Amino acid sequence: HKGRRTFVIFYRRDSGDVLALIGPEGILWQTDCALAVG
């Protein structure tokens, strides 16, 4: 989460780049490569 909103980040190890997505109010607890739940 970021503040009161759901939050996703993408990290590329080769470049060190960090990108992010913001979603609705809430929280995400677990993810794999196809699904995230919260």
PDB file of all heavy atoms in Angstrom:
ATOM      1  N   HIS A   1       0.837  -1.201   0.000  1.00  0.00           N
ATOM      2  CA  HIS A   1       0.000   0.000   0.000  1.00  0.00           C
ATOM      3  C   HIS A   1       0.868   1.245   0.000  1.00  0.00           C
ATOM      4  O   HIS A   1       2.027   1.222   0.435  1.00  0.00           O
ATOM      5  CB  HIS A   1      -0.948   0.024   1.213  1.00  0.00           C
ATOM      6  CG  HIS A   1      -0.240   0.343   2.510  1.00  0.00           C
ATOM      7  ND1 HIS A   1      -0.058   1.631   2.960  1.00  0.00           N
ATOM      8  CD2 HIS A   1       0.319  -0.469   3.441  1.00  0.00           C
ATOM      9  CE1 HIS A   1       0.588   1.611   4.125  1.00  0.00           C
ATOM     10  NE2 HIS A   1       0.830   0.351   4.432  1.00  0.00           N
ATOM     11  N   LYS A   2       0.307   2.318  -0.484  1.00  0.00           N
ATOM     12  CA  LYS A   2       0.902   3.656  -0.424  1.00  0.00           C
ATOM     13  C   LYS A   2      -0.164   4.569   0.149  1.00  0.00           C
ATOM     14  O   LYS A   2      -1.187   4.820  -0.493  1.00  0.00           O
ATOM     15  CB  LYS A   2       1.328   4.125  -1.811  1.00  0.00           C
ATOM     16  CG  LYS A   2       1.911   5.545  -1.848  1.00  0.00           C
ATOM     17  CD  LYS A   2       2.268   5.937  -3.273  1.00  0.00           C
ATOM     18  CE  LYS A   2       2.868   7.328  -3.335  1.00  0.00           C
ATOM     19  NZ  LYS A   2       1.902   8.384  -2.926  1.00  0.00           N
ATOM     20  N   GLY A   3       0.071   5.059   1.365  1.00  0.00           N
ATOM     21  CA  GLY A   3      -0.986   5.789   2.047  1.00  0.00           C
ATOM     22  C   GLY A   3      -2.173   4.866   2.269  1.00  0.00           C
ATOM     23  O   GLY A   3      -2.030   3.768   2.800  1.00  0.00           O
ATOM     24  N   ARG A   4      -3.332   5.260   1.799  1.00  0.00           N
ATOM     25  CA  ARG A   4      -4.545   4.449   1.949  1.00  0.00           C
ATOM     26  C   ARG A   4      -4.888   3.691   0.658  1.00  0.00           C
ATOM     27  O   ARG A   4      -5.981   3.128   0.549  1.00  0.00           O
ATOM     28  CB  ARG A   4      -5.727   5.330   2.359  1.00  0.00           C
ATOM     29  CG  ARG A   4      -5.574   5.989   3.723  1.00  0.00           C
ATOM     30  CD  ARG A   4      -6.801   6.813   4.069  1.00  0.00           C
ATOM     31  NE  ARG A   4      -7.993   5.969   4.121  1.00  0.00           N
ATOM     32  CZ  ARG A   4      -8.389   5.316   5.214  1.00  0.00           C
ATOM     33  NH1 ARG A   4      -7.682   5.395   6.332  1.00  0.00           N
ATOM     34  NH2 ARG A   4      -9.501   4.601   5.199  1.00  0.00           N
ATOM     35  N   ARG A   5      -3.946   3.677  -0.301  1.00  0.00           N
ATOM     36  CA  ARG A   5      -4.263   3.088  -1.604  1.00  0.00           C
ATOM     37  C   ARG A   5      -3.399   1.865  -1.897  1.00  0.00           C
ATOM     38  O   ARG A   5      -2.262   1.752  -1.433  1.00  0.00           O
ATOM     39  CB  ARG A   5      -4.102   4.141  -2.697  1.00  0.00           C
ATOM     40  CG  ARG A   5      -5.038   5.331  -2.527  1.00  0.00           C
ATOM     41  CD  ARG A   5      -4.836   6.362  -3.610  1.00  0.00           C
ATOM     42  NE  ARG A   5      -5.234   5.864  -4.923  1.00  0.00           N
ATOM     43  CZ  ARG A   5      -5.156   6.590  -6.034  1.00  0.00           C
ATOM     44  NH1 ARG A   5      -4.679   7.841  -5.992  1.00  0.00           N
ATOM     45  NH2 ARG A   5      -5.543   6.080  -7.195  1.00  0.00           N
ATOM     46  N   THR A   6      -3.960   0.961  -2.702  1.00  0.00           N
ATOM     47  CA  THR A   6      -3.227  -0.210  -3.151  1.00  0.00           C
ATOM     48  C   THR A   6      -2.061   0.212  -4.036  1.00  0.00           C
ATOM     49  O   THR A   6      -2.132   1.208  -4.765  1.00  0.00           O
ATOM     50  CB  THR A   6      -4.159  -1.162  -3.916  1.00  0.00           C
ATOM     51  OG1 THR A   6      -4.895  -0.410  -4.897  1.00  0.00           O
ATOM     52  CG2 THR A   6      -5.156  -1.835  -2.979  1.00  0.00           C
ATOM     53  N   PHE A   7      -0.989  -0.594  -3.998  1.00  0.00           N
ATOM     54  CA  PHE A   7       0.265  -0.147  -4.594  1.00  0.00           C
ATOM     55  C   PHE A   7       1.010  -1.346  -5.165  1.00  0.00           C
ATOM     56  O   PHE A   7       1.073  -2.411  -4.540  1.00  0.00           O
ATOM     57  CB  PHE A   7       1.108   0.537  -3.512  1.00  0.00           C
ATOM     58  CG  PHE A   7       2.345   1.228  -3.987  1.00  0.00           C
ATOM     59  CD1 PHE A   7       2.295   2.197  -4.968  1.00  0.00           C
ATOM     60  CD2 PHE A   7       3.580   0.929  -3.417  1.00  0.00           C
ATOM     61  CE1 PHE A   7       3.445   2.856  -5.388  1.00  0.00           C
ATOM     62  CE2 PHE A   7       4.728   1.584  -3.823  1.00  0.00           C
ATOM     63  CZ  PHE A   7       4.669   2.543  -4.813  1.00  0.00           C
ATOM     64  N   VAL A   8       1.567  -1.173  -6.375  1.00  0.00           N
ATOM     65  CA  VAL A   8       2.348  -2.213  -7.046  1.00  0.00           C
ATOM     66  C   VAL A   8       3.632  -1.584  -7.558  1.00  0.00           C
ATOM     67  O   VAL A   8       3.611  -0.489  -8.137  1.00  0.00           O
ATOM     68  CB  VAL A   8       1.580  -2.817  -8.244  1.00  0.00           C
ATOM     69  CG1 VAL A   8       2.405  -3.926  -8.903  1.00  0.00           C
ATOM     70  CG2 VAL A   8       0.222  -3.345  -7.813  1.00  0.00           C
ATOM     71  N   ILE A   9       4.766  -2.246  -7.350  1.00  0.00           N
ATOM     72  CA  ILE A   9       6.010  -1.755  -7.944  1.00  0.00           C
ATOM     73  C   ILE A   9       6.653  -2.857  -8.786  1.00  0.00           C
ATOM     74  O   ILE A   9       6.434  -4.052  -8.558  1.00  0.00           O
ATOM     75  CB  ILE A   9       7.020  -1.230  -6.900  1.00  0.00           C
ATOM     76  CG1 ILE A   9       7.564  -2.376  -6.051  1.00  0.00           C
ATOM     77  CG2 ILE A   9       6.424  -0.146  -6.050  1.00  0.00           C
ATOM     78  CD1 ILE A   9       8.782  -1.944  -5.253  1.00  0.00           C
ATOM     79  N   PHE A  10       7.448  -2.419  -9.767  1.00  0.00           N
ATOM     80  CA  PHE A  10       8.181  -3.321 -10.647  1.00  0.00           C
ATOM     81  C   PHE A  10       9.657  -2.953 -10.561  1.00  0.00           C
ATOM     82  O   PHE A  10      10.025  -1.799 -10.798  1.00  0.00           O
ATOM     83  CB  PHE A  10       7.692  -3.182 -12.092  1.00  0.00           C
ATOM     84  CG  PHE A  10       6.215  -3.401 -12.254  1.00  0.00           C
ATOM     85  CD1 PHE A  10       5.332  -2.320 -12.232  1.00  0.00           C
ATOM     86  CD2 PHE A  10       5.701  -4.681 -12.403  1.00  0.00           C
ATOM     87  CE1 PHE A  10       3.970  -2.521 -12.378  1.00  0.00           C
ATOM     88  CE2 PHE A  10       4.339  -4.893 -12.540  1.00  0.00           C
ATOM     89  CZ  PHE A  10       3.465  -3.812 -12.526  1.00  0.00           C
ATOM     90  N   TYR A  11      10.469  -3.931 -10.238  1.00  0.00           N
ATOM     91  CA  TYR A  11      11.910  -3.706 -10.089  1.00  0.00           C
ATOM     92  C   TYR A  11      12.657  -4.572 -11.088  1.00  0.00           C
ATOM     93  O   TYR A  11      12.464  -5.791 -11.155  1.00  0.00           O
ATOM     94  CB  TYR A  11      12.345  -4.060  -8.666  1.00  0.00           C
ATOM     95  CG  TYR A  11      13.838  -4.144  -8.476  1.00  0.00           C
ATOM     96  CD1 TYR A  11      14.657  -3.027  -8.639  1.00  0.00           C
ATOM     97  CD2 TYR A  11      14.446  -5.350  -8.128  1.00  0.00           C
ATOM     98  CE1 TYR A  11      16.028  -3.108  -8.461  1.00  0.00           C
ATOM     99  CE2 TYR A  11      15.820  -5.443  -7.947  1.00  0.00           C
ATOM    100  CZ  TYR A  11      16.602  -4.320  -8.119  1.00  0.00           C
ATOM    101  OH  TYR A  11      17.970  -4.397  -7.943  1.00  0.00           O
ATOM    102  N   ARG A  12      13.497  -3.925 -11.893  1.00  0.00           N
ATOM    103  CA  ARG A  12      14.340  -4.635 -12.858  1.00  0.00           C
ATOM    104  C   ARG A  12      15.761  -4.704 -12.298  1.00  0.00           C
ATOM    105  O   ARG A  12      16.432  -3.676 -12.158  1.00  0.00           O
ATOM    106  CB  ARG A  12      14.318  -3.924 -14.215  1.00  0.00           C
ATOM    107  CG  ARG A  12      12.941  -3.932 -14.862  1.00  0.00           C
ATOM    108  CD  ARG A  12      12.968  -3.351 -16.259  1.00  0.00           C
ATOM    109  NE  ARG A  12      11.644  -3.329 -16.851  1.00  0.00           N
ATOM    110  CZ  ARG A  12      11.097  -4.356 -17.508  1.00  0.00           C
ATOM    111  NH1 ARG A  12      11.800  -5.466 -17.660  1.00  0.00           N
ATOM    112  NH2 ARG A  12       9.884  -4.265 -18.001  1.00  0.00           N
ATOM    113  N   ARG A  13      16.182  -5.917 -12.016  1.00  0.00           N
ATOM    114  CA  ARG A  13      17.483  -6.090 -11.375  1.00  0.00           C
ATOM    115  C   ARG A  13      18.629  -5.660 -12.292  1.00  0.00           C
ATOM    116  O   ARG A  13      19.629  -5.094 -11.818  1.00  0.00           O
ATOM    117  CB  ARG A  13      17.642  -7.555 -10.958  1.00  0.00           C
ATOM    118  CG  ARG A  13      19.018  -7.898 -10.429  1.00  0.00           C
ATOM    119  CD  ARG A  13      19.031  -9.279  -9.818  1.00  0.00           C
ATOM    120  NE  ARG A  13      18.546  -9.246  -8.451  1.00  0.00           N
ATOM    121  CZ  ARG A  13      18.194 -10.331  -7.762  1.00  0.00           C
ATOM    122  NH1 ARG A  13      18.226 -11.515  -8.346  1.00  0.00           N
ATOM    123  NH2 ARG A  13      17.799 -10.223  -6.513  1.00  0.00           N
ATOM    124  N   ASP A  14      18.510  -5.894 -13.601  1.00  0.00           N
ATOM    125  CA  ASP A  14      19.619  -5.569 -14.501  1.00  0.00           C
ATOM    126  C   ASP A  14      19.895  -4.077 -14.560  1.00  0.00           C
ATOM    127  O   ASP A  14      21.046  -3.643 -14.575  1.00  0.00           O
ATOM    128  CB  ASP A  14      19.357  -6.126 -15.900  1.00  0.00           C
ATOM    129  CG  ASP A  14      18.024  -5.666 -16.484  1.00  0.00           C
ATOM    130  OD1 ASP A  14      17.239  -5.025 -15.759  1.00  0.00           O
ATOM    131  OD2 ASP A  14      17.760  -5.958 -17.675  1.00  0.00           O
ATOM    132  N   SER A  15      18.828  -3.263 -14.576  1.00  0.00           N
ATOM    133  CA  SER A  15      18.999  -1.815 -14.694  1.00  0.00           C
ATOM    134  C   SER A  15      18.857  -1.083 -13.364  1.00  0.00           C
ATOM    135  O   SER A  15      19.303   0.060 -13.229  1.00  0.00           O
ATOM    136  CB  SER A  15      17.969  -1.248 -15.670  1.00  0.00           C
ATOM    137  OG  SER A  15      16.650  -1.419 -15.165  1.00  0.00           O
ATOM    138  N   GLY A  16      18.198  -1.710 -12.404  1.00  0.00           N
ATOM    139  CA  GLY A  16      17.924  -1.042 -11.138  1.00  0.00           C
ATOM    140  C   GLY A  16      16.712  -0.139 -11.176  1.00  0.00           C
ATOM    141  O   GLY A  16      16.400   0.539 -10.193  1.00  0.00           O
ATOM    142  N   ASP A  17      15.986  -0.111 -12.310  1.00  0.00           N
ATOM    143  CA  ASP A  17      14.815   0.755 -12.445  1.00  0.00           C
ATOM    144  C   ASP A  17      13.673   0.273 -11.553  1.00  0.00           C
ATOM    145  O   ASP A  17      13.434  -0.933 -11.406  1.00  0.00           O
ATOM    146  CB  ASP A  17      14.333   0.779 -13.897  1.00  0.00           C
ATOM    147  CG  ASP A  17      15.311   1.490 -14.817  1.00  0.00           C
ATOM    148  OD1 ASP A  17      16.146   2.256 -14.304  1.00  0.00           O
ATOM    149  OD2 ASP A  17      15.239   1.267 -16.043  1.00  0.00           O
ATOM    150  N   VAL A  18      12.949   1.239 -10.999  1.00  0.00           N
ATOM    151  CA  VAL A  18      11.768   0.957 -10.182  1.00  0.00           C
ATOM    152  C   VAL A  18      10.587   1.746 -10.754  1.00  0.00           C
ATOM    153  O   VAL A  18      10.641   2.978 -10.822  1.00  0.00           O
ATOM    154  CB  VAL A  18      11.975   1.337  -8.702  1.00  0.00           C
ATOM    155  CG1 VAL A  18      10.721   1.045  -7.896  1.00  0.00           C
ATOM    156  CG2 VAL A  18      13.165   0.579  -8.116  1.00  0.00           C
ATOM    157  N   LEU A  19       9.534   1.047 -11.201  1.00  0.00           N
ATOM    158  CA  LEU A  19       8.309   1.669 -11.691  1.00  0.00           C
ATOM    159  C   LEU A  19       7.167   1.283 -10.766  1.00  0.00           C
ATOM    160  O   LEU A  19       7.259   0.305 -10.015  1.00  0.00           O
ATOM    161  CB  LEU A  19       8.022   1.213 -13.127  1.00  0.00           C
ATOM    162  CG  LEU A  19       9.133   1.472 -14.151  1.00  0.00           C
ATOM    163  CD1 LEU A  19       8.756   0.875 -15.497  1.00  0.00           C
ATOM    164  CD2 LEU A  19       9.402   2.971 -14.265  1.00  0.00           C
ATOM    165  N   ALA A  20       6.053   2.042 -10.837  1.00  0.00           N
ATOM    166  CA  ALA A  20       4.971   1.788  -9.879  1.00  0.00           C
ATOM    167  C   ALA A  20       3.602   2.028 -10.495  1.00  0.00           C
ATOM    168  O   ALA A  20       3.438   2.806 -11.443  1.00  0.00           O
ATOM    169  CB  ALA A  20       5.137   2.695  -8.658  1.00  0.00           C
ATOM    170  N   LEU A  21       2.610   1.338  -9.921  1.00  0.00           N
ATOM    171  CA  LEU A  21       1.195   1.537 -10.219  1.00  0.00           C
ATOM    172  C   LEU A  21       0.458   1.853  -8.931  1.00  0.00           C
ATOM    173  O   LEU A  21       0.769   1.304  -7.864  1.00  0.00           O
ATOM    174  CB  LEU A  21       0.580   0.280 -10.841  1.00  0.00           C
ATOM    175  CG  LEU A  21       1.139  -0.239 -12.160  1.00  0.00           C
ATOM    176  CD1 LEU A  21       0.450  -1.552 -12.530  1.00  0.00           C
ATOM    177  CD2 LEU A  21       0.952   0.784 -13.270  1.00  0.00           C
ATOM    178  N   ILE A  22      -0.536   2.713  -9.018  1.00  0.00           N
ATOM    179  CA  ILE A  22      -1.386   3.029  -7.871  1.00  0.00           C
ATOM    180  C   ILE A  22      -2.808   2.591  -8.187  1.00  0.00           C
ATOM    181  O   ILE A  22      -3.276   2.717  -9.321  1.00  0.00           O
ATOM    182  CB  ILE A  22      -1.340   4.549  -7.540  1.00  0.00           C
ATOM    183  CG1 ILE A  22      -1.934   4.826  -6.169  1.00  0.00           C
ATOM    184  CG2 ILE A  22      -1.990   5.367  -8.629  1.00  0.00           C
ATOM    185  CD1 ILE A  22      -1.020   4.472  -5.033  1.00  0.00           C
ATOM    186  N   GLY A  23      -3.487   2.048  -7.182  1.00  0.00           N
ATOM    187  CA  GLY A  23      -4.845   1.572  -7.366  1.00  0.00           C
ATOM    188  C   GLY A  23      -5.812   2.237  -6.412  1.00  0.00           C
ATOM    189  O   GLY A  23      -5.520   3.294  -5.835  1.00  0.00           O
ATOM    190  N   PRO A  24      -6.974   1.641  -6.205  1.00  0.00           N
ATOM    191  CA  PRO A  24      -7.994   2.231  -5.339  1.00  0.00           C
ATOM    192  C   PRO A  24      -7.600   2.136  -3.873  1.00  0.00           C
ATOM    193  O   PRO A  24      -6.598   1.499  -3.512  1.00  0.00           O
ATOM    194  CB  PRO A  24      -9.225   1.372  -5.630  1.00  0.00           C
ATOM    195  CG  PRO A  24      -8.655   0.036  -5.981  1.00  0.00           C
ATOM    196  CD  PRO A  24      -7.409   0.344  -6.755  1.00  0.00           C
ATOM    197  N   GLU A  25      -8.391   2.750  -3.010  1.00  0.00           N
ATOM    198  CA  GLU A  25      -8.139   2.648  -1.581  1.00  0.00           C
ATOM    199  C   GLU A  25      -8.204   1.189  -1.150  1.00  0.00           C
ATOM    200  O   GLU A  25      -9.102   0.451  -1.554  1.00  0.00           O
ATOM    201  CB  GLU A  25      -9.149   3.486  -0.795  1.00  0.00           C
ATOM    202  CG  GLU A  25      -8.965   4.972  -0.966  1.00  0.00           C
ATOM    203  CD  GLU A  25      -9.765   5.775   0.041  1.00  0.00           C
ATOM    204  OE1 GLU A  25     -10.455   5.164   0.873  1.00  0.00           O
ATOM    205  OE2 GLU A  25      -9.686   7.012   0.001  1.00  0.00           O
ATOM    206  N   GLY A  26      -7.233   0.790  -0.346  1.00  0.00           N
ATOM    207  CA  GLY A  26      -7.196  -0.589   0.103  1.00  0.00           C
ATOM    208  C   GLY A  26      -5.777  -1.055   0.334  1.00  0.00           C
ATOM    209  O   GLY A  26      -4.862  -0.250   0.549  1.00  0.00           O
ATOM    210  N   ILE A  27      -5.579  -2.374   0.243  1.00  0.00           N
ATOM    211  CA  ILE A  27      -4.282  -2.967   0.529  1.00  0.00           C
ATOM    212  C   ILE A  27      -4.158  -4.264  -0.257  1.00  0.00           C
ATOM    213  O   ILE A  27      -5.148  -4.956  -0.498  1.00  0.00           O
ATOM    214  CB  ILE A  27      -4.127  -3.215   2.048  1.00  0.00           C
ATOM    215  CG1 ILE A  27      -2.695  -3.578   2.411  1.00  0.00           C
ATOM    216  CG2 ILE A  27      -5.110  -4.277   2.537  1.00  0.00           C
ATOM    217  CD1 ILE A  27      -2.432  -3.545   3.910  1.00  0.00           C
ATOM    218  N   LEU A  28      -2.926  -4.556  -0.693  1.00  0.00           N
ATOM    219  CA  LEU A  28      -2.622  -5.822  -1.354  1.00  0.00           C
ATOM    220  C   LEU A  28      -1.645  -6.596  -0.475  1.00  0.00           C
ATOM    221  O   LEU A  28      -0.616  -6.056  -0.059  1.00  0.00           O
ATOM    222  CB  LEU A  28      -2.012  -5.595  -2.727  1.00  0.00           C
ATOM    223  CG  LEU A  28      -2.950  -5.014  -3.789  1.00  0.00           C
ATOM    224  CD1 LEU A  28      -2.164  -4.601  -5.031  1.00  0.00           C
ATOM    225  CD2 LEU A  28      -4.038  -6.018  -4.157  1.00  0.00           C
ATOM    226  N   TRP A  29      -1.968  -7.872  -0.223  1.00  0.00           N
ATOM    227  CA  TRP A  29      -1.182  -8.661   0.726  1.00  0.00           C
ATOM    228  C   TRP A  29      -0.267  -9.673   0.055  1.00  0.00           C
ATOM    229  O   TRP A  29       0.760 -10.044   0.620  1.00  0.00           O
ATOM    230  CB  TRP A  29      -2.099  -9.393   1.699  1.00  0.00           C
ATOM    231  CG  TRP A  29      -2.701  -8.535   2.749  1.00  0.00           C
ATOM    232  CD1 TRP A  29      -3.995  -8.113   2.843  1.00  0.00           C
ATOM    233  CD2 TRP A  29      -2.027  -7.965   3.883  1.00  0.00           C
ATOM    234  NE1 TRP A  29      -4.172  -7.326   3.961  1.00  0.00           N
ATOM    235  CE2 TRP A  29      -2.984  -7.212   4.610  1.00  0.00           C
ATOM    236  CE3 TRP A  29      -0.715  -8.006   4.353  1.00  0.00           C
ATOM    237  CZ2 TRP A  29      -2.677  -6.523   5.784  1.00  0.00           C
ATOM    238  CZ3 TRP A  29      -0.404  -7.323   5.516  1.00  0.00           C
ATOM    239  CH2 TRP A  29      -1.369  -6.600   6.218  1.00  0.00           C
ATOM    240  N   GLN A  30      -0.654 -10.196  -1.094  1.00  0.00           N
ATOM    241  CA  GLN A  30       0.182 -11.228  -1.710  1.00  0.00           C
ATOM    242  C   GLN A  30       0.030 -11.196  -3.227  1.00  0.00           C
ATOM    243  O   GLN A  30      -1.025 -10.819  -3.750  1.00  0.00           O
ATOM    244  CB  GLN A  30      -0.194 -12.623  -1.190  1.00  0.00           C
ATOM    245  CG  GLN A  30       0.770 -13.718  -1.646  1.00  0.00           C
ATOM    246  CD  GLN A  30       0.436 -15.080  -1.067  1.00  0.00           C
ATOM    247  OE1 GLN A  30      -0.062 -15.199   0.030  1.00  0.00           O
ATOM    248  NE2 GLN A  30       0.734 -16.125  -1.821  1.00  0.00           N
ATOM    249  N   THR A  31       1.099 -11.592  -3.916  1.00  0.00           N
ATOM    250  CA  THR A  31       1.071 -11.626  -5.373  1.00  0.00           C
ATOM    251  C   THR A  31       1.875 -12.800  -5.907  1.00  0.00           C
ATOM    252  O   THR A  31       2.760 -13.330  -5.222  1.00  0.00           O
ATOM    253  CB  THR A  31       1.633 -10.326  -5.970  1.00  0.00           C
ATOM    254  OG1 THR A  31       1.432 -10.325  -7.392  1.00  0.00           O
ATOM    255  CG2 THR A  31       3.117 -10.186  -5.695  1.00  0.00           C
ATOM    256  N   ASP A  32       1.529 -13.227  -7.130  1.00  0.00           N
ATOM    257  CA  ASP A  32       2.424 -14.017  -7.957  1.00  0.00           C
ATOM    258  C   ASP A  32       2.487 -13.280  -9.292  1.00  0.00           C
ATOM    259  O   ASP A  32       2.207 -12.086  -9.350  1.00  0.00           O
ATOM    260  CB  ASP A  32       1.985 -15.486  -8.075  1.00  0.00           C
ATOM    261  CG  ASP A  32       0.653 -15.660  -8.802  1.00  0.00           C
ATOM    262  OD1 ASP A  32       0.085 -14.659  -9.297  1.00  0.00           O
ATOM    263  OD2 ASP A  32       0.173 -16.804  -8.869  1.00  0.00           O
ATOM    264  N   CYS A  33       2.822 -13.935 -10.368  1.00  0.00           N
ATOM    265  CA  CYS A  33       2.964 -13.225 -11.637  1.00  0.00           C
ATOM    266  C   CYS A  33       1.650 -13.013 -12.371  1.00  0.00           C
ATOM    267  O   CYS A  33       1.612 -12.322 -13.392  1.00  0.00           O
ATOM    268  CB  CYS A  33       3.944 -13.972 -12.534  1.00  0.00           C
ATOM    269  SG  CYS A  33       5.599 -14.088 -11.818  1.00  0.00           S
ATOM    270  N   ALA A  34       0.559 -13.594 -11.866  1.00  0.00           N
ATOM    271  CA  ALA A  34      -0.736 -13.464 -12.540  1.00  0.00           C
ATOM    272  C   ALA A  34      -1.796 -12.793 -11.689  1.00  0.00           C
ATOM    273  O   ALA A  34      -2.735 -12.198 -12.214  1.00  0.00           O
ATOM    274  CB  ALA A  34      -1.241 -14.840 -12.983  1.00  0.00           C
ATOM    275  N   LEU A  35      -1.663 -12.869 -10.375  1.00  0.00           N
ATOM    276  CA  LEU A  35      -2.731 -12.431  -9.472  1.00  0.00           C
ATOM    277  C   LEU A  35      -2.152 -11.735  -8.256  1.00  0.00           C
ATOM    278  O   LEU A  35      -1.044 -12.057  -7.809  1.00  0.00           O
ATOM    279  CB  LEU A  35      -3.558 -13.650  -9.030  1.00  0.00           C
ATOM    280  CG  LEU A  35      -4.676 -13.445  -8.010  1.00  0.00           C
ATOM    281  CD1 LEU A  35      -5.787 -12.581  -8.585  1.00  0.00           C
ATOM    282  CD2 LEU A  35      -5.227 -14.795  -7.550  1.00  0.00           C
ATOM    283  N   ALA A  36      -2.893 -10.771  -7.712  1.00  0.00           N
ATOM    284  CA  ALA A  36      -2.607 -10.197  -6.400  1.00  0.00           C
ATOM    285  C   ALA A  36      -3.926 -10.103  -5.649  1.00  0.00           C
ATOM    286  O   ALA A  36      -4.979  -9.841  -6.256  1.00  0.00           O
ATOM    287  CB  ALA A  36      -1.965  -8.813  -6.522  1.00  0.00           C
ATOM    288  N   VAL A  37      -3.888 -10.341  -4.338  1.00  0.00           N
ATOM    289  CA  VAL A  37      -5.122 -10.337  -3.550  1.00  0.00           C
ATOM    290  C   VAL A  37      -4.988  -9.380  -2.379  1.00  0.00           C
ATOM    291  O   VAL A  37      -3.899  -9.099  -1.892  1.00  0.00           O
ATOM    292  CB  VAL A  37      -5.472 -11.746  -3.034  1.00  0.00           C
ATOM    293  CG1 VAL A  37      -5.613 -12.729  -4.189  1.00  0.00           C
ATOM    294  CG2 VAL A  37      -4.437 -12.250  -2.021  1.00  0.00           C
ATOM    295  N   GLY A  38      -6.150  -8.884  -1.929  1.00  0.00           N
ATOM    296  CA  GLY A  38      -6.179  -7.983  -0.792  1.00  0.00           C
ATOM    297  C   GLY A  38      -7.585  -7.506  -0.526  1.00  0.00           C
ATOM    298  O   GLY A  38      -8.543  -8.269  -0.616  1.00  0.00           O
TER     299      GLY A  38
END
